[in-house]
Amino acid sequence: MQTAPNSATANLPRPVTPLGIAVNHLEIAIALLAHAAIPSEAAHHLQKAFELMAGLDPYLEQTATPASSALADIAERTRHEPWQAKFDEGETVRPLEQEMLSGHIEGQTLKLFVHMIRARRILDIGMFTGYSALAMAEALPADGSLIACEVDPYAASFAQSLFQKSPHGSKIQVDLGPALETLNRLAAQGEPFDFVFIDADKQEYVQYYQTLMDSGLLSDQGYICVDNTLFQGQVYLPEAERSASASAIAQFNQVVAADPRVEQVILPLRDGLTLIRRV
């Protein structure tokens, strides 16, 4: 029987990364075996595995550069927004949830990538409430620009209201509509991007990638960064255990790996973060 969440846990995100899901399984296993007659050595190793895995994400959070107050506000506001109610009432065009937020560690990683390549033009495909967009905008020079694609009007408005609280929010232009339509229109304008972050409809990842590579949207020295490329670990588990989105991500990973025009690596950060460079 599933119990109702108490006030302390009601707004906590559910585990959606391979590490978070594994920690949850270990926690349940340890609780189930607490009163079982299992060898003490086995219990010791289970507990040690749990401690090593459960402590990793909090330690990364503690040791990373703190998020700006504007980014912290986006995270807090996103966590407390009643997303399911908004969808049920027809205010959002698709189901949204707080777990879609990029978050502190990924945001800081993106920010450092932007600094490292000295990007001036960024494309964010799949903005949600704007955490990744603002994190990257904070690393842009004063005359830099970021175009953020978002299909949901409510999420776009939510993000724009929060961008106004940051001195870097003016660098962000929100483009409302299906991402593929936006990409085709931007390609027709002929202005390439130095850095592209993909975190939108998983079923369209291959199309996003092919459009970026074939249309001139990515500059000759440009980089693509792609979120959720481990998809809860399903991409390397048996195919029978994959959701439709996980199968789409697995296909995307294969397409990129087979493309001689690029070199790439999947970083085991949160739900998998792929970094791609045109060669």
C-alpha atoms as a PDB file:
ATOM      1  CA  MET A   1       0.000   0.000   0.000  1.00  0.00           C
ATOM      2  CA  GLN A   2       1.331   3.418  -0.924  1.00  0.00           C
ATOM      3  CA  THR A   3       1.110   6.006   1.817  1.00  0.00           C
ATOM      4  CA  ALA A   4       0.512   9.683   1.264  1.00  0.00           C
ATOM      5  CA  PRO A   5       3.681  11.815   1.419  1.00  0.00           C
ATOM      6  CA  ASN A   6       4.173  13.853   4.551  1.00  0.00           C
ATOM      7  CA  SER A   7       4.862  17.585   4.507  1.00  0.00           C
ATOM      8  CA  ALA A   8       8.626  17.027   4.631  1.00  0.00           C
ATOM      9  CA  THR A   9       8.727  14.842   1.512  1.00  0.00           C
ATOM     10  CA  ALA A  10       5.737  16.005  -0.549  1.00  0.00           C
ATOM     11  CA  ASN A  11       7.822  18.351  -2.725  1.00  0.00           C
ATOM     12  CA  LEU A  12      10.944  16.220  -2.987  1.00  0.00           C
ATOM     13  CA  PRO A  13      11.731  15.101  -6.549  1.00  0.00           C
ATOM     14  CA  ARG A  14      11.381  11.425  -7.331  1.00  0.00           C
ATOM     15  CA  PRO A  15      14.578   9.627  -8.419  1.00  0.00           C
ATOM     16  CA  VAL A  16      15.009   9.931 -12.198  1.00  0.00           C
ATOM     17  CA  THR A  17      18.750   9.387 -12.683  1.00  0.00           C
ATOM     18  CA  PRO A  18      20.549   6.010 -12.755  1.00  0.00           C
ATOM     19  CA  LEU A  19      22.290   6.869  -9.489  1.00  0.00           C
ATOM     20  CA  GLY A  20      19.131   8.099  -7.776  1.00  0.00           C
ATOM     21  CA  ILE A  21      17.145   5.050  -8.848  1.00  0.00           C
ATOM     22  CA  ALA A  22      19.926   2.693  -7.697  1.00  0.00           C
ATOM     23  CA  VAL A  23      20.079   4.450  -4.315  1.00  0.00           C
ATOM     24  CA  ASN A  24      16.322   4.053  -3.971  1.00  0.00           C
ATOM     25  CA  HIS A  25      16.545   0.311  -4.733  1.00  0.00           C
ATOM     26  CA  LEU A  26      19.342  -0.125  -2.210  1.00  0.00           C
ATOM     27  CA  GLU A  27      17.430   1.789   0.460  1.00  0.00           C
ATOM     28  CA  ILE A  28      14.386  -0.436  -0.032  1.00  0.00           C
ATOM     29  CA  ALA A  29      16.517  -3.604  -0.011  1.00  0.00           C
ATOM     30  CA  ILE A  30      18.250  -2.591   3.234  1.00  0.00           C
ATOM     31  CA  ALA A  31      14.887  -1.853   4.873  1.00  0.00           C
ATOM     32  CA  LEU A  32      13.446  -5.205   3.747  1.00  0.00           C
ATOM     33  CA  LEU A  33      16.491  -7.100   4.997  1.00  0.00           C
ATOM     34  CA  ALA A  34      16.731  -5.251   8.312  1.00  0.00           C
ATOM     35  CA  HIS A  35      15.076  -8.089  10.197  1.00  0.00           C
ATOM     36  CA  ALA A  36      16.118 -10.926   7.926  1.00  0.00           C
ATOM     37  CA  ALA A  37      18.690 -13.513   8.860  1.00  0.00           C
ATOM     38  CA  ILE A  38      21.321 -12.506   6.334  1.00  0.00           C
ATOM     39  CA  PRO A  39      25.076 -12.763   6.940  1.00  0.00           C
ATOM     40  CA  SER A  40      26.446  -9.678   8.657  1.00  0.00           C
ATOM     41  CA  GLU A  41      29.099  -9.361   5.970  1.00  0.00           C
ATOM     42  CA  ALA A  42      26.418  -9.089   3.263  1.00  0.00           C
ATOM     43  CA  ALA A  43      24.559  -6.457   5.297  1.00  0.00           C
ATOM     44  CA  HIS A  44      27.818  -4.540   5.746  1.00  0.00           C
ATOM     45  CA  HIS A  45      28.499  -4.447   1.995  1.00  0.00           C
ATOM     46  CA  LEU A  46      24.927  -3.379   1.212  1.00  0.00           C
ATOM     47  CA  GLN A  47      25.198  -0.543   3.702  1.00  0.00           C
ATOM     48  CA  LYS A  48      28.573   0.571   2.337  1.00  0.00           C
ATOM     49  CA  ALA A  49      27.271   0.541  -1.243  1.00  0.00           C
ATOM     50  CA  PHE A  50      24.298   2.623  -0.136  1.00  0.00           C
ATOM     51  CA  GLU A  51      26.485   5.157   1.692  1.00  0.00           C
ATOM     52  CA  LEU A  52      28.847   5.560  -1.279  1.00  0.00           C
ATOM     53  CA  MET A  53      26.036   6.097  -3.749  1.00  0.00           C
ATOM     54  CA  ALA A  54      23.660   8.133  -1.592  1.00  0.00           C
ATOM     55  CA  GLY A  55      26.371  10.556  -0.542  1.00  0.00           C
ATOM     56  CA  LEU A  56      27.665  11.406  -4.013  1.00  0.00           C
ATOM     57  CA  ASP A  57      25.052  13.899  -5.274  1.00  0.00           C
ATOM     58  CA  PRO A  58      24.867  15.836  -1.986  1.00  0.00           C
ATOM     59  CA  TYR A  59      28.669  16.100  -1.943  1.00  0.00           C
ATOM     60  CA  LEU A  60      28.715  17.416  -5.513  1.00  0.00           C
ATOM     61  CA  GLU A  61      26.120  20.011  -4.531  1.00  0.00           C
ATOM     62  CA  GLN A  62      28.149  21.086  -1.481  1.00  0.00           C
ATOM     63  CA  THR A  63      31.446  21.472  -3.326  1.00  0.00           C
ATOM     64  CA  ALA A  64      30.256  23.153  -6.551  1.00  0.00           C
ATOM     65  CA  THR A  65      30.200  26.922  -6.894  1.00  0.00           C
ATOM     66  CA  PRO A  66      26.874  28.063  -5.375  1.00  0.00           C
ATOM     67  CA  ALA A  67      24.113  28.963  -7.793  1.00  0.00           C
ATOM     68  CA  SER A  68      23.219  32.621  -8.193  1.00  0.00           C
ATOM     69  CA  SER A  69      20.200  33.889  -6.279  1.00  0.00           C
ATOM     70  CA  ALA A  70      18.245  34.077  -9.557  1.00  0.00           C
ATOM     71  CA  LEU A  71      18.976  30.439 -10.366  1.00  0.00           C
ATOM     72  CA  ALA A  72      18.148  29.360  -6.822  1.00  0.00           C
ATOM     73  CA  ASP A  73      14.838  31.186  -7.171  1.00  0.00           C
ATOM     74  CA  ILE A  74      14.015  29.322 -10.395  1.00  0.00           C
ATOM     75  CA  ALA A  75      14.753  25.988  -8.704  1.00  0.00           C
ATOM     76  CA  GLU A  76      12.645  26.862  -5.654  1.00  0.00           C
ATOM     77  CA  ARG A  77       9.719  28.201  -7.660  1.00  0.00           C
ATOM     78  CA  THR A  78       9.784  25.174  -9.975  1.00  0.00           C
ATOM     79  CA  ARG A  79       9.808  22.760  -7.042  1.00  0.00           C
ATOM     80  CA  HIS A  80       6.712  24.322  -5.481  1.00  0.00           C
ATOM     81  CA  GLU A  81       4.657  24.890  -8.633  1.00  0.00           C
ATOM     82  CA  PRO A  82       1.610  22.527  -8.823  1.00  0.00           C
ATOM     83  CA  TRP A  83       2.451  21.221 -12.298  1.00  0.00           C
ATOM     84  CA  GLN A  84      -0.076  18.394 -12.373  1.00  0.00           C
ATOM     85  CA  ALA A  85      -2.883  20.754 -11.387  1.00  0.00           C
ATOM     86  CA  LYS A  86      -1.810  23.198 -14.095  1.00  0.00           C
ATOM     87  CA  PHE A  87      -2.041  20.428 -16.699  1.00  0.00           C
ATOM     88  CA  ASP A  88      -5.373  19.152 -15.370  1.00  0.00           C
ATOM     89  CA  GLU A  89      -6.770  22.695 -15.609  1.00  0.00           C
ATOM     90  CA  GLY A  90      -5.510  23.102 -19.181  1.00  0.00           C
ATOM     91  CA  GLU A  91      -2.941  25.800 -18.363  1.00  0.00           C
ATOM     92  CA  THR A  92      -0.071  23.734 -19.782  1.00  0.00           C
ATOM     93  CA  VAL A  93      -0.185  21.990 -23.156  1.00  0.00           C
ATOM     94  CA  ARG A  94       1.744  18.952 -21.902  1.00  0.00           C
ATOM     95  CA  PRO A  95       2.439  17.263 -18.572  1.00  0.00           C
ATOM     96  CA  LEU A  96       5.274  19.039 -16.756  1.00  0.00           C
ATOM     97  CA  GLU A  97       7.074  18.106 -13.538  1.00  0.00           C
ATOM     98  CA  GLN A  98       9.770  19.521 -11.311  1.00  0.00           C
ATOM     99  CA  GLU A  99      12.133  16.691 -12.266  1.00  0.00           C
ATOM    100  CA  MET A 100      12.513  18.307 -15.705  1.00  0.00           C
ATOM    101  CA  LEU A 101      14.656  21.046 -14.134  1.00  0.00           C
ATOM    102  CA  SER A 102      18.362  20.856 -15.042  1.00  0.00           C
ATOM    103  CA  GLY A 103      19.446  21.798 -11.532  1.00  0.00           C
ATOM    104  CA  HIS A 104      22.548  23.143  -9.825  1.00  0.00           C
ATOM    105  CA  ILE A 105      25.256  20.668 -10.877  1.00  0.00           C
ATOM    106  CA  GLU A 106      24.184  20.463 -14.502  1.00  0.00           C
ATOM    107  CA  GLY A 107      23.636  24.206 -14.658  1.00  0.00           C
ATOM    108  CA  GLN A 108      27.135  24.873 -13.310  1.00  0.00           C
ATOM    109  CA  THR A 109      28.575  22.379 -15.803  1.00  0.00           C
ATOM    110  CA  LEU A 110      26.853  24.105 -18.733  1.00  0.00           C
ATOM    111  CA  LYS A 111      27.996  27.483 -17.439  1.00  0.00           C
ATOM    112  CA  LEU A 112      31.621  26.300 -17.363  1.00  0.00           C
ATOM    113  CA  PHE A 113      31.338  24.813 -20.872  1.00  0.00           C
ATOM    114  CA  VAL A 114      30.134  28.192 -22.174  1.00  0.00           C
ATOM    115  CA  HIS A 115      33.041  29.944 -20.438  1.00  0.00           C
ATOM    116  CA  MET A 116      35.559  27.403 -21.759  1.00  0.00           C
ATOM    117  CA  ILE A 117      34.643  27.781 -25.432  1.00  0.00           C
ATOM    118  CA  ARG A 118      33.964  31.530 -25.135  1.00  0.00           C
ATOM    119  CA  ALA A 119      30.553  31.119 -26.732  1.00  0.00           C
ATOM    120  CA  ARG A 120      28.703  34.218 -27.899  1.00  0.00           C
ATOM    121  CA  ARG A 121      25.578  32.662 -29.414  1.00  0.00           C
ATOM    122  CA  ILE A 122      23.736  29.819 -27.679  1.00  0.00           C
ATOM    123  CA  LEU A 123      20.669  27.791 -28.628  1.00  0.00           C
ATOM    124  CA  ASP A 124      18.703  26.105 -25.821  1.00  0.00           C
ATOM    125  CA  ILE A 125      16.307  23.496 -27.253  1.00  0.00           C
ATOM    126  CA  GLY A 126      13.768  22.803 -24.500  1.00  0.00           C
ATOM    127  CA  MET A 127      13.781  25.578 -21.911  1.00  0.00           C
ATOM    128  CA  PHE A 128      11.113  24.485 -19.356  1.00  0.00           C
ATOM    129  CA  THR A 129      11.356  27.014 -16.483  1.00  0.00           C
ATOM    130  CA  GLY A 130      14.644  28.454 -17.695  1.00  0.00           C
ATOM    131  CA  TYR A 131      17.285  27.118 -15.306  1.00  0.00           C
ATOM    132  CA  SER A 132      19.673  25.908 -18.017  1.00  0.00           C
ATOM    133  CA  ALA A 133      19.047  29.011 -20.146  1.00  0.00           C
ATOM    134  CA  LEU A 134      19.874  31.432 -17.353  1.00  0.00           C
ATOM    135  CA  ALA A 135      22.882  29.381 -16.175  1.00  0.00           C
ATOM    136  CA  MET A 136      24.370  29.595 -19.672  1.00  0.00           C
ATOM    137  CA  ALA A 137      23.396  33.255 -20.088  1.00  0.00           C
ATOM    138  CA  GLU A 138      25.344  34.072 -16.919  1.00  0.00           C
ATOM    139  CA  ALA A 139      28.498  32.893 -18.717  1.00  0.00           C
ATOM    140  CA  LEU A 140      27.870  34.901 -21.888  1.00  0.00           C
ATOM    141  CA  PRO A 141      29.622  38.231 -22.480  1.00  0.00           C
ATOM    142  CA  ALA A 142      27.502  41.374 -22.179  1.00  0.00           C
ATOM    143  CA  ASP A 143      26.779  41.362 -25.915  1.00  0.00           C
ATOM    144  CA  GLY A 144      26.160  37.609 -26.085  1.00  0.00           C
ATOM    145  CA  SER A 145      22.752  36.138 -26.867  1.00  0.00           C
ATOM    146  CA  LEU A 146      20.768  32.980 -26.181  1.00  0.00           C
ATOM    147  CA  ILE A 147      17.667  31.767 -27.979  1.00  0.00           C
ATOM    148  CA  ALA A 148      15.546  29.442 -25.857  1.00  0.00           C
ATOM    149  CA  CYS A 149      12.983  27.177 -27.543  1.00  0.00           C
ATOM    150  CA  GLU A 150       9.884  26.222 -25.556  1.00  0.00           C
ATOM    151  CA  VAL A 151       6.623  24.714 -26.760  1.00  0.00           C
ATOM    152  CA  ASP A 152       4.544  25.327 -23.629  1.00  0.00           C
ATOM    153  CA  PRO A 153       3.203  28.900 -23.233  1.00  0.00           C
ATOM    154  CA  TYR A 154       2.766  28.573 -19.464  1.00  0.00           C
ATOM    155  CA  ALA A 155       6.340  27.367 -18.922  1.00  0.00           C
ATOM    156  CA  ALA A 156       7.649  30.108 -21.214  1.00  0.00           C
ATOM    157  CA  SER A 157       5.777  32.810 -19.304  1.00  0.00           C
ATOM    158  CA  PHE A 158       6.876  31.298 -15.977  1.00  0.00           C
ATOM    159  CA  ALA A 159      10.530  31.437 -17.081  1.00  0.00           C
ATOM    160  CA  GLN A 160      10.353  34.947 -18.528  1.00  0.00           C
ATOM    161  CA  SER A 161       8.958  36.348 -15.292  1.00  0.00           C
ATOM    162  CA  LEU A 162      11.960  34.886 -13.449  1.00  0.00           C
ATOM    163  CA  PHE A 163      14.509  36.056 -16.041  1.00  0.00           C
ATOM    164  CA  GLN A 164      13.456  39.618 -15.271  1.00  0.00           C
ATOM    165  CA  LYS A 165      14.962  39.234 -11.801  1.00  0.00           C
ATOM    166  CA  SER A 166      18.447  38.598 -13.204  1.00  0.00           C
ATOM    167  CA  PRO A 167      20.845  41.105 -14.815  1.00  0.00           C
ATOM    168  CA  HIS A 168      21.561  38.378 -17.394  1.00  0.00           C
ATOM    169  CA  GLY A 169      17.928  37.781 -18.320  1.00  0.00           C
ATOM    170  CA  SER A 170      18.057  40.387 -21.093  1.00  0.00           C
ATOM    171  CA  LYS A 171      20.460  38.151 -23.040  1.00  0.00           C
ATOM    172  CA  ILE A 172      17.710  35.525 -23.426  1.00  0.00           C
ATOM    173  CA  GLN A 173      15.138  35.511 -26.217  1.00  0.00           C
ATOM    174  CA  VAL A 174      12.330  32.975 -25.738  1.00  0.00           C
ATOM    175  CA  ASP A 175      11.027  31.439 -28.953  1.00  0.00           C
ATOM    176  CA  LEU A 176       7.615  29.830 -28.430  1.00  0.00           C
ATOM    177  CA  GLY A 177       6.602  26.901 -30.626  1.00  0.00           C
ATOM    178  CA  PRO A 178       7.618  23.376 -31.694  1.00  0.00           C
ATOM    179  CA  ALA A 179      11.413  23.124 -31.617  1.00  0.00           C
ATOM    180  CA  LEU A 180      11.813  21.659 -35.102  1.00  0.00           C
ATOM    181  CA  GLU A 181       9.856  24.546 -36.612  1.00  0.00           C
ATOM    182  CA  THR A 182      12.039  27.003 -34.720  1.00  0.00           C
ATOM    183  CA  LEU A 183      15.223  25.252 -35.868  1.00  0.00           C
ATOM    184  CA  ASN A 184      14.182  25.368 -39.518  1.00  0.00           C
ATOM    185  CA  ARG A 185      13.348  29.061 -39.276  1.00  0.00           C
ATOM    186  CA  LEU A 186      16.655  29.851 -37.536  1.00  0.00           C
ATOM    187  CA  ALA A 187      18.542  27.844 -40.154  1.00  0.00           C
ATOM    188  CA  ALA A 188      16.949  29.959 -42.887  1.00  0.00           C
ATOM    189  CA  GLN A 189      18.298  33.079 -41.160  1.00  0.00           C
ATOM    190  CA  GLY A 190      21.852  31.756 -41.603  1.00  0.00           C
ATOM    191  CA  GLU A 191      23.307  32.692 -38.204  1.00  0.00           C
ATOM    192  CA  PRO A 192      25.129  29.717 -36.606  1.00  0.00           C
ATOM    193  CA  PHE A 193      25.436  28.994 -32.883  1.00  0.00           C
ATOM    194  CA  ASP A 194      28.598  28.295 -30.898  1.00  0.00           C
ATOM    195  CA  PHE A 195      26.882  26.090 -28.320  1.00  0.00           C
ATOM    196  CA  VAL A 196      23.613  24.156 -28.428  1.00  0.00           C
ATOM    197  CA  PHE A 197      21.927  22.440 -25.482  1.00  0.00           C
ATOM    198  CA  ILE A 198      19.275  19.806 -26.265  1.00  0.00           C
ATOM    199  CA  ASP A 199      16.754  18.899 -23.569  1.00  0.00           C
ATOM    200  CA  ALA A 200      13.355  18.645 -25.256  1.00  0.00           C
ATOM    201  CA  ASP A 201      11.164  15.902 -26.776  1.00  0.00           C
ATOM    202  CA  LYS A 202      13.233  12.712 -26.589  1.00  0.00           C
ATOM    203  CA  GLN A 203      11.436  11.258 -29.624  1.00  0.00           C
ATOM    204  CA  GLU A 204      12.832  14.118 -31.743  1.00  0.00           C
ATOM    205  CA  TYR A 205      16.454  14.057 -30.564  1.00  0.00           C
ATOM    206  CA  VAL A 206      17.715  12.481 -33.807  1.00  0.00           C
ATOM    207  CA  GLN A 207      15.862  15.119 -35.862  1.00  0.00           C
ATOM    208  CA  TYR A 208      17.259  17.956 -33.723  1.00  0.00           C
ATOM    209  CA  TYR A 209      20.762  16.589 -34.179  1.00  0.00           C
ATOM    210  CA  GLN A 210      20.463  16.037 -37.917  1.00  0.00           C
ATOM    211  CA  THR A 211      18.992  19.508 -38.421  1.00  0.00           C
ATOM    212  CA  LEU A 212      21.829  21.100 -36.450  1.00  0.00           C
ATOM    213  CA  MET A 213      24.510  19.204 -38.352  1.00  0.00           C
ATOM    214  CA  ASP A 214      23.011  19.514 -41.837  1.00  0.00           C
ATOM    215  CA  SER A 215      21.622  23.051 -41.863  1.00  0.00           C
ATOM    216  CA  GLY A 216      24.562  25.193 -40.819  1.00  0.00           C
ATOM    217  CA  LEU A 217      23.003  26.001 -37.438  1.00  0.00           C
ATOM    218  CA  LEU A 218      26.126  24.736 -35.652  1.00  0.00           C
ATOM    219  CA  SER A 219      29.270  26.784 -36.236  1.00  0.00           C
ATOM    220  CA  ASP A 220      32.424  25.079 -37.528  1.00  0.00           C
ATOM    221  CA  GLN A 221      33.922  25.155 -34.016  1.00  0.00           C
ATOM    222  CA  GLY A 222      30.583  24.574 -32.292  1.00  0.00           C
ATOM    223  CA  TYR A 223      29.595  22.136 -29.577  1.00  0.00           C
ATOM    224  CA  ILE A 224      26.342  20.310 -28.850  1.00  0.00           C
ATOM    225  CA  CYS A 225      25.465  19.241 -25.322  1.00  0.00           C
ATOM    226  CA  VAL A 226      22.598  16.770 -24.881  1.00  0.00           C
ATOM    227  CA  ASP A 227      20.703  15.918 -21.696  1.00  0.00           C
ATOM    228  CA  ASN A 228      19.168  12.611 -20.517  1.00  0.00           C
ATOM    229  CA  THR A 229      21.366  10.422 -22.717  1.00  0.00           C
ATOM    230  CA  LEU A 230      21.493   7.667 -20.072  1.00  0.00           C
ATOM    231  CA  PHE A 231      17.720   7.932 -19.521  1.00  0.00           C
ATOM    232  CA  GLN A 232      17.424   6.392 -16.061  1.00  0.00           C
ATOM    233  CA  GLY A 233      19.885   3.669 -17.081  1.00  0.00           C
ATOM    234  CA  GLN A 234      17.361   2.165 -19.476  1.00  0.00           C
ATOM    235  CA  VAL A 235      19.610   2.692 -22.516  1.00  0.00           C
ATOM    236  CA  TYR A 236      22.026   0.016 -21.264  1.00  0.00           C
ATOM    237  CA  LEU A 237      19.447  -2.285 -19.645  1.00  0.00           C
ATOM    238  CA  PRO A 238      17.654  -5.005 -21.670  1.00  0.00           C
ATOM    239  CA  GLU A 239      15.525  -3.556 -24.477  1.00  0.00           C
ATOM    240  CA  ALA A 240      12.368  -5.062 -22.952  1.00  0.00           C
ATOM    241  CA  GLU A 241      12.780  -2.694 -19.984  1.00  0.00           C
ATOM    242  CA  ARG A 242      12.958   0.466 -22.099  1.00  0.00           C
ATOM    243  CA  SER A 243      10.200   3.025 -22.459  1.00  0.00           C
ATOM    244  CA  ALA A 244       9.520   4.614 -25.852  1.00  0.00           C
ATOM    245  CA  SER A 245      11.584   7.656 -24.844  1.00  0.00           C
ATOM    246  CA  ALA A 246      14.468   5.465 -23.677  1.00  0.00           C
ATOM    247  CA  SER A 247      14.435   3.607 -27.012  1.00  0.00           C
ATOM    248  CA  ALA A 248      14.542   6.956 -28.821  1.00  0.00           C
ATOM    249  CA  ILE A 249      17.532   8.032 -26.720  1.00  0.00           C
ATOM    250  CA  ALA A 250      19.303   4.715 -27.369  1.00  0.00           C
ATOM    251  CA  GLN A 251      18.804   5.274 -31.096  1.00  0.00           C
ATOM    252  CA  PHE A 252      20.112   8.836 -30.782  1.00  0.00           C
ATOM    253  CA  ASN A 253      23.238   7.627 -28.982  1.00  0.00           C
ATOM    254  CA  GLN A 254      23.887   5.125 -31.792  1.00  0.00           C
ATOM    255  CA  VAL A 255      23.375   7.757 -34.503  1.00  0.00           C
ATOM    256  CA  VAL A 256      25.904  10.088 -32.871  1.00  0.00           C
ATOM    257  CA  ALA A 257      28.402   7.289 -32.227  1.00  0.00           C
ATOM    258  CA  ALA A 258      28.270   6.293 -35.915  1.00  0.00           C
ATOM    259  CA  ASP A 259      28.638   9.845 -37.276  1.00  0.00           C
ATOM    260  CA  PRO A 260      32.209  10.427 -38.548  1.00  0.00           C
ATOM    261  CA  ARG A 261      31.656  14.200 -38.527  1.00  0.00           C
ATOM    262  CA  VAL A 262      31.836  14.381 -34.719  1.00  0.00           C
ATOM    263  CA  GLU A 263      33.564  13.113 -31.626  1.00  0.00           C
ATOM    264  CA  GLN A 264      31.589  12.697 -28.439  1.00  0.00           C
ATOM    265  CA  VAL A 265      31.473  11.401 -24.873  1.00  0.00           C
ATOM    266  CA  ILE A 266      28.627  10.667 -22.475  1.00  0.00           C
ATOM    267  CA  LEU A 267      29.345  12.056 -19.027  1.00  0.00           C
ATOM    268  CA  PRO A 268      27.617  10.110 -16.211  1.00  0.00           C
ATOM    269  CA  LEU A 269      26.307  13.368 -14.764  1.00  0.00           C
ATOM    270  CA  ARG A 270      22.764  13.150 -13.412  1.00  0.00           C
ATOM    271  CA  ASP A 271      20.772  11.410 -16.191  1.00  0.00           C
ATOM    272  CA  GLY A 272      23.617  11.463 -18.700  1.00  0.00           C
ATOM    273  CA  LEU A 273      25.095  14.493 -20.454  1.00  0.00           C
ATOM    274  CA  THR A 274      26.631  14.032 -23.907  1.00  0.00           C
ATOM    275  CA  LEU A 275      29.189  16.494 -25.217  1.00  0.00           C
ATOM    276  CA  ILE A 276      29.618  16.536 -29.006  1.00  0.00           C
ATOM    277  CA  ARG A 277      32.252  18.370 -31.067  1.00  0.00           C
ATOM    278  CA  ARG A 278      32.257  18.795 -34.824  1.00  0.00           C
ATOM    279  CA  VAL A 279      35.618  17.583 -36.205  1.00  0.00           C
END
